[in-house]
Amino acid sequence: MNDRRLAAALGFAFVAAWIAFNFGYALLCLLGAAIFWAVASVLDGNLDLGDLQARLTNRDDNPTAAPQPRDRARVQ
């Protein structure tokens, strides 16, 4: 199954849940699916939580490294 067909199937399932229940329950279904996808990705090794945290917090991999000195502007 390619990505477009999978996206279409997921879109159909979302709209079906929205019609059958309500919008809030449909969003909870999406949230649950996203959480289970993330857990499965971590367990498979496809998602590195350390790398994700470093990207979100803009930190380097080496937390013990001294910060680089900033250039100071000269005031004349």
C-alpha atoms as a PDB file:
ATOM      1  CA  MET A   1       0.000   0.000   0.000  1.00  0.00           C
ATOM      2  CA  ASN A   2       1.445   3.365  -0.940  1.00  0.00           C
ATOM      3  CA  ASP A   3       1.305   6.520   1.183  1.00  0.00           C
ATOM      4  CA  ARG A   4      -1.589   8.130  -0.697  1.00  0.00           C
ATOM      5  CA  ARG A   5      -3.859   5.111  -0.250  1.00  0.00           C
ATOM      6  CA  LEU A   6      -2.980   4.855   3.413  1.00  0.00           C
ATOM      7  CA  ALA A   7      -3.696   8.569   3.888  1.00  0.00           C
ATOM      8  CA  ALA A   8      -7.023   8.190   2.111  1.00  0.00           C
ATOM      9  CA  ALA A   9      -7.962   5.212   4.311  1.00  0.00           C
ATOM     10  CA  LEU A  10      -7.020   7.113   7.458  1.00  0.00           C
ATOM     11  CA  GLY A  11      -8.975  10.149   6.288  1.00  0.00           C
ATOM     12  CA  PHE A  12     -12.013   7.988   5.626  1.00  0.00           C
ATOM     13  CA  ALA A  13     -11.718   6.378   9.066  1.00  0.00           C
ATOM     14  CA  PHE A  14     -11.433   9.815  10.703  1.00  0.00           C
ATOM     15  CA  VAL A  15     -14.530  11.141   8.954  1.00  0.00           C
ATOM     16  CA  ALA A  16     -16.436   7.937   9.745  1.00  0.00           C
ATOM     17  CA  ALA A  17     -15.539   8.302  13.448  1.00  0.00           C
ATOM     18  CA  TRP A  18     -16.508  11.992  13.306  1.00  0.00           C
ATOM     19  CA  ILE A  19     -19.936  11.126  11.855  1.00  0.00           C
ATOM     20  CA  ALA A  20     -20.550   8.135  14.122  1.00  0.00           C
ATOM     21  CA  PHE A  21     -19.455   9.764  17.396  1.00  0.00           C
ATOM     22  CA  ASN A  22     -18.533  13.442  17.366  1.00  0.00           C
ATOM     23  CA  PHE A  23     -15.528  15.605  16.564  1.00  0.00           C
ATOM     24  CA  GLY A  24     -13.956  15.309  20.027  1.00  0.00           C
ATOM     25  CA  TYR A  25     -13.999  11.516  19.982  1.00  0.00           C
ATOM     26  CA  ALA A  26     -12.583  11.498  16.467  1.00  0.00           C
ATOM     27  CA  LEU A  27      -9.689  13.694  17.635  1.00  0.00           C
ATOM     28  CA  LEU A  28      -9.103  11.341  20.562  1.00  0.00           C
ATOM     29  CA  CYS A  29      -8.891   8.469  18.073  1.00  0.00           C
ATOM     30  CA  LEU A  30      -6.242  10.387  16.103  1.00  0.00           C
ATOM     31  CA  LEU A  31      -4.313  11.177  19.286  1.00  0.00           C
ATOM     32  CA  GLY A  32      -4.387   7.532  20.341  1.00  0.00           C
ATOM     33  CA  ALA A  33      -3.190   6.442  16.903  1.00  0.00           C
ATOM     34  CA  ALA A  34      -0.335   8.972  17.021  1.00  0.00           C
ATOM     35  CA  ILE A  35       0.746   7.767  20.465  1.00  0.00           C
ATOM     36  CA  PHE A  36       0.731   4.111  19.416  1.00  0.00           C
ATOM     37  CA  TRP A  37       2.629   4.998  16.214  1.00  0.00           C
ATOM     38  CA  ALA A  38       5.278   6.812  18.260  1.00  0.00           C
ATOM     39  CA  VAL A  39       5.643   3.922  20.714  1.00  0.00           C
ATOM     40  CA  ALA A  40       5.957   1.408  17.870  1.00  0.00           C
ATOM     41  CA  SER A  41       8.557   3.628  16.156  1.00  0.00           C
ATOM     42  CA  VAL A  42      10.621   3.873  19.352  1.00  0.00           C
ATOM     43  CA  LEU A  43      10.478   0.118  19.881  1.00  0.00           C
ATOM     44  CA  ASP A  44      11.555  -0.500  16.259  1.00  0.00           C
ATOM     45  CA  GLY A  45      14.414   1.984  16.613  1.00  0.00           C
ATOM     46  CA  ASN A  46      13.084   4.296  13.908  1.00  0.00           C
ATOM     47  CA  LEU A  47      12.520   7.182  16.328  1.00  0.00           C
ATOM     48  CA  ASP A  48      15.404   8.358  18.539  1.00  0.00           C
ATOM     49  CA  LEU A  49      14.002  10.231  21.544  1.00  0.00           C
ATOM     50  CA  GLY A  50      17.384  11.715  22.462  1.00  0.00           C
ATOM     51  CA  ASP A  51      17.811  13.189  18.997  1.00  0.00           C
ATOM     52  CA  LEU A  52      14.224  14.460  19.025  1.00  0.00           C
ATOM     53  CA  GLN A  53      14.749  16.151  22.393  1.00  0.00           C
ATOM     54  CA  ALA A  54      17.986  17.754  21.211  1.00  0.00           C
ATOM     55  CA  ARG A  55      16.242  19.124  18.124  1.00  0.00           C
ATOM     56  CA  LEU A  56      13.301  20.499  20.076  1.00  0.00           C
ATOM     57  CA  THR A  57      15.436  22.165  22.738  1.00  0.00           C
ATOM     58  CA  ASN A  58      18.253  23.293  20.374  1.00  0.00           C
ATOM     59  CA  ARG A  59      20.905  21.605  22.495  1.00  0.00           C
ATOM     60  CA  ASP A  60      24.057  19.802  21.404  1.00  0.00           C
ATOM     61  CA  ASP A  61      24.705  16.130  22.107  1.00  0.00           C
ATOM     62  CA  ASN A  62      27.533  17.082  24.488  1.00  0.00           C
ATOM     63  CA  PRO A  63      25.951  18.827  27.500  1.00  0.00           C
ATOM     64  CA  THR A  64      29.312  19.167  29.330  1.00  0.00           C
ATOM     65  CA  ALA A  65      30.913  21.274  26.610  1.00  0.00           C
ATOM     66  CA  ALA A  66      31.695  24.835  27.614  1.00  0.00           C
ATOM     67  CA  PRO A  67      29.602  27.481  25.885  1.00  0.00           C
ATOM     68  CA  GLN A  68      31.304  29.368  23.095  1.00  0.00           C
ATOM     69  CA  PRO A  69      32.231  32.983  23.922  1.00  0.00           C
ATOM     70  CA  ARG A  70      30.214  35.580  22.107  1.00  0.00           C
ATOM     71  CA  ASP A  71      31.793  38.403  20.146  1.00  0.00           C
ATOM     72  CA  ARG A  72      31.302  41.729  21.815  1.00  0.00           C
ATOM     73  CA  ALA A  73      30.541  44.772  19.749  1.00  0.00           C
ATOM     74  CA  ARG A  74      32.854  47.729  20.214  1.00  0.00           C
ATOM     75  CA  VAL A  75      31.242  50.942  21.292  1.00  0.00           C
ATOM     76  CA  GLN A  76      33.042  54.013  19.980  1.00  0.00           C
END
